[in-house]
Amino acid sequence: MKHSRQEQAIALAGILQACRCVELLASQGQCDKAWEQPLFDSLFIFDAADTPSVYGGVHNLRPGLTLLLDLMRGQNTHNLSGIANLSMNALVVQKLLAQDNDMLSVLASRLSHIDKHSDMYENDEALQRAIAGIYQDTLSNLSFRIKVAGQVTLLQRDDIAQHIRALLLCAVRSAMLWRQLGGRRWHLILNKGALIKAAEQLLRG
């Protein structure tokens, strides 16, 4: 089945938006809840009607789509280098994950368990800790680990570290969607023009 460039742009925007949230947490200790909530929600969308529905609609990915355009156009590249590196690392982790059926099964099972028992988590922080626990027990054991740069005092805080791990799982989830939609790393170079056009159309939409 052939997937559209718009669908691929949506998945890429999900990766970038998650990585932007990680960067903000690591450098400033906070990020916009409106940016991260659709990403957390995407972890529990197991059978979406279409690609935008994974994130509750394209409007929830406007920050990620803007980042995608800036990167594809080569704008503000110095400030975006950290996000770009994190995103590439998320793609590497996803590729390793795709080769580990046991780990994929554990991930699916534990996310399903959280979804079925969501009433157990009294607030967002408790839910994020549960998601972070999944990341720590699975993806952090792969041969390649995502390294996050930032302020040491922030990264040493347990709440920030857990929040970041939860968002990294979101980034890998979007990377998985990108692969499922036929996305490949070489597309970022050879299909740059088509991805730019797709992101522009989505932002205008």
Protein backbone atom coordinates (compact mmCIF):
# COMPACT_ATOMS: atom_id res chain seq x y z
CA MET A 1 0.00 0.00 0.00
CA LYS A 2 1.39 3.38 -0.98
CA HIS A 3 1.24 6.07 1.67
CA SER A 4 1.15 9.78 1.01
CA ARG A 5 3.92 12.24 1.76
CA GLN A 6 1.47 14.04 4.04
CA GLU A 7 1.14 10.93 6.19
CA GLN A 8 4.91 10.61 6.36
CA ALA A 9 5.24 14.30 7.23
CA ILE A 10 2.78 13.81 10.10
CA ALA A 11 4.87 10.97 11.55
CA LEU A 12 8.08 13.00 11.19
CA ALA A 13 6.39 15.93 12.91
CA GLY A 14 5.51 13.61 15.79
CA ILE A 15 9.16 12.63 16.19
CA LEU A 16 10.38 16.22 16.05
CA GLN A 17 7.74 17.52 18.44
CA ALA A 18 8.62 14.84 21.01
CA CYS A 19 12.32 15.64 20.65
CA ARG A 20 11.65 19.36 21.02
CA CYS A 21 9.82 18.65 24.28
CA VAL A 22 12.77 16.55 25.46
CA GLU A 23 15.17 19.37 24.64
CA LEU A 24 13.05 21.92 26.50
CA LEU A 25 12.84 19.70 29.57
CA ALA A 26 16.58 19.08 29.55
CA SER A 27 17.46 22.77 29.13
CA GLN A 28 14.61 24.62 30.85
CA GLY A 29 12.90 22.03 33.04
CA GLN A 30 9.50 22.38 31.40
CA CYS A 31 7.63 22.07 28.11
CA ASP A 32 4.20 23.00 26.81
CA LYS A 33 1.57 20.47 27.90
CA ALA A 34 -0.38 21.15 24.69
CA TRP A 35 2.67 20.01 22.72
CA GLU A 36 3.24 16.78 24.62
CA GLN A 37 -0.28 15.57 25.37
CA PRO A 38 -1.07 14.37 21.81
CA LEU A 39 2.24 12.49 21.85
CA PHE A 40 1.39 10.67 25.08
CA ASP A 41 -2.11 9.97 23.75
CA SER A 42 -0.58 8.44 20.61
CA LEU A 43 0.95 5.65 22.69
CA PHE A 44 -2.53 4.31 23.40
CA ILE A 45 -3.95 4.56 19.88
CA PHE A 46 -3.76 0.96 18.77
CA ASP A 47 -6.12 1.04 15.78
CA ALA A 48 -6.42 4.54 14.32
CA ALA A 49 -8.84 5.29 11.49
CA ASP A 50 -6.11 7.27 9.71
CA THR A 51 -2.70 8.80 10.38
CA PRO A 52 -3.89 12.20 11.74
CA SER A 53 -6.10 10.36 14.24
CA VAL A 54 -3.01 8.90 15.92
CA TYR A 55 -2.38 12.39 17.30
CA GLY A 56 -5.97 13.56 17.59
CA GLY A 57 -5.74 15.65 14.42
CA VAL A 58 -3.11 17.51 12.42
CA HIS A 59 -3.67 20.68 14.46
CA ASN A 60 -1.97 19.02 17.42
CA LEU A 61 1.26 18.70 15.43
CA ARG A 62 1.68 22.28 14.22
CA PRO A 63 4.88 22.76 16.29
CA GLY A 64 6.37 19.56 14.86
CA LEU A 65 5.38 20.45 11.30
CA THR A 66 6.98 23.89 11.69
CA LEU A 67 10.16 22.23 12.94
CA LEU A 68 10.07 19.86 9.98
CA LEU A 69 9.83 22.76 7.55
CA ASP A 70 12.70 24.62 9.21
CA LEU A 71 14.93 21.55 9.07
CA MET A 72 14.02 20.62 5.51
CA ARG A 73 14.62 24.21 4.34
CA GLY A 74 17.89 24.46 6.26
CA GLN A 75 16.61 27.33 8.40
CA ASN A 76 17.81 27.95 11.97
CA THR A 77 19.91 24.79 11.68
CA HIS A 78 22.28 25.70 14.53
CA ASN A 79 19.46 25.93 17.06
CA LEU A 80 17.79 22.80 15.69
CA SER A 81 20.87 20.57 15.58
CA GLY A 82 20.07 18.98 18.95
CA ILE A 83 16.52 18.14 17.90
CA ALA A 84 17.75 16.73 14.60
CA ASN A 85 20.26 14.48 16.40
CA LEU A 86 17.67 13.25 18.87
CA SER A 87 15.29 12.49 16.01
CA MET A 88 17.90 10.51 14.10
CA ASN A 89 18.70 8.58 17.26
CA ALA A 90 15.02 7.77 17.72
CA LEU A 91 15.01 6.28 14.20
CA VAL A 92 18.04 4.14 15.08
CA VAL A 93 16.36 2.86 18.25
CA GLN A 94 13.17 2.10 16.35
CA LYS A 95 15.10 0.07 13.79
CA LEU A 96 16.69 -2.01 16.57
CA LEU A 97 13.31 -2.41 18.26
CA ALA A 98 11.75 -3.67 15.02
CA GLN A 99 14.26 -6.52 15.05
CA ASP A 100 13.32 -7.63 18.58
CA ASN A 101 9.91 -9.31 18.55
CA ASP A 102 10.04 -10.12 22.25
CA MET A 103 10.61 -6.49 23.18
CA LEU A 104 7.84 -5.39 20.83
CA SER A 105 5.46 -7.80 22.56
CA VAL A 106 6.44 -6.50 26.00
CA LEU A 107 5.92 -2.90 24.88
CA ALA A 108 2.49 -3.63 23.42
CA SER A 109 1.42 -5.62 26.47
CA ARG A 110 2.49 -3.01 29.00
CA LEU A 111 0.99 -0.10 27.09
CA SER A 112 -2.27 -2.04 26.79
CA HIS A 113 -2.20 -2.70 30.54
CA ILE A 114 -1.78 1.01 31.31
CA ASP A 115 -4.57 1.86 28.90
CA LYS A 116 -6.97 -0.62 30.53
CA HIS A 117 -6.11 0.57 34.03
CA SER A 118 -5.78 4.30 33.37
CA ASP A 119 -7.97 5.09 36.38
CA MET A 120 -5.13 3.86 38.60
CA TYR A 121 -3.02 6.90 37.76
CA GLU A 122 -4.07 9.86 39.85
CA ASN A 123 -2.32 12.50 37.73
CA ASP A 124 -0.20 13.07 34.61
CA GLU A 125 3.04 12.63 36.51
CA ALA A 126 2.04 9.16 37.69
CA LEU A 127 1.13 8.17 34.14
CA GLN A 128 4.42 9.55 32.82
CA ARG A 129 6.31 7.52 35.41
CA ALA A 130 4.56 4.38 34.25
CA ILE A 131 5.43 5.13 30.63
CA ALA A 132 9.01 5.95 31.62
CA GLY A 133 9.21 2.60 33.38
CA ILE A 134 8.36 0.85 30.13
CA TYR A 135 11.11 2.75 28.34
CA GLN A 136 13.63 1.95 31.06
CA ASP A 137 12.79 -1.76 31.08
CA THR A 138 12.88 -2.12 27.29
CA LEU A 139 14.46 0.43 24.96
CA SER A 140 17.16 1.50 27.41
CA ASN A 141 18.53 -2.06 27.22
CA LEU A 142 19.15 -1.96 23.47
CA SER A 143 22.70 -1.78 22.13
CA PHE A 144 22.14 1.87 21.17
CA ARG A 145 20.76 4.36 23.68
CA ILE A 146 19.54 7.89 23.10
CA LYS A 147 21.72 10.39 24.95
CA VAL A 148 20.13 13.66 26.01
CA ALA A 149 22.20 16.82 26.51
CA GLY A 150 21.10 19.59 28.83
CA GLN A 151 21.64 21.20 32.20
CA VAL A 152 23.14 18.65 34.57
CA THR A 153 21.10 19.90 37.53
CA LEU A 154 17.89 19.31 35.55
CA LEU A 155 18.89 15.94 34.13
CA GLN A 156 19.73 14.73 37.65
CA ARG A 157 16.20 15.44 38.85
CA ASP A 158 14.18 12.24 38.96
CA ASP A 159 10.96 13.88 37.78
CA ILE A 160 12.70 15.41 34.75
CA ALA A 161 14.50 12.16 33.92
CA GLN A 162 11.23 10.20 34.06
CA HIS A 163 9.44 12.80 31.96
CA ILE A 164 12.19 12.68 29.33
CA ARG A 165 12.12 8.86 29.16
CA ALA A 166 8.37 8.95 28.62
CA LEU A 167 8.75 11.45 25.77
CA LEU A 168 11.53 9.40 24.19
CA LEU A 169 9.12 6.48 24.03
CA CYS A 170 6.71 8.82 22.23
CA ALA A 171 9.46 9.75 19.77
CA VAL A 172 10.16 6.09 19.03
CA ARG A 173 6.43 5.43 18.64
CA SER A 174 6.30 8.14 15.96
CA ALA A 175 9.45 6.69 14.38
CA MET A 176 7.67 3.35 14.20
CA LEU A 177 4.73 5.02 12.48
CA TRP A 178 7.13 6.67 10.00
CA ARG A 179 8.54 3.25 9.09
CA GLN A 180 5.07 1.73 8.81
CA LEU A 181 4.17 4.51 6.37
CA GLY A 182 7.10 3.57 4.16
CA GLY A 183 9.47 6.21 5.49
CA ARG A 184 13.22 5.67 5.11
CA ARG A 185 16.14 7.87 6.09
CA TRP A 186 17.16 8.45 2.47
CA HIS A 187 13.70 9.95 1.87
CA LEU A 188 14.79 12.89 4.02
CA ILE A 189 17.27 13.82 1.29
CA LEU A 190 15.81 12.56 -1.97
CA ASN A 191 12.19 13.44 -1.15
CA LYS A 192 12.94 16.69 0.67
CA GLY A 193 10.92 18.81 -1.75
CA ALA A 194 7.88 16.57 -1.50
CA LEU A 195 8.05 16.54 2.30
CA ILE A 196 8.30 20.34 2.40
CA LYS A 197 5.24 20.64 0.15
CA ALA A 198 3.34 18.13 2.29
CA ALA A 199 4.16 19.97 5.52
CA GLU A 200 3.14 23.29 3.99
CA GLN A 201 -0.18 21.84 2.88
CA LEU A 202 -0.84 20.37 6.31
CA LEU A 203 -0.09 23.68 8.03
CA ARG A 204 -2.41 25.51 5.64
CA GLY A 205 -5.10 22.88 6.08
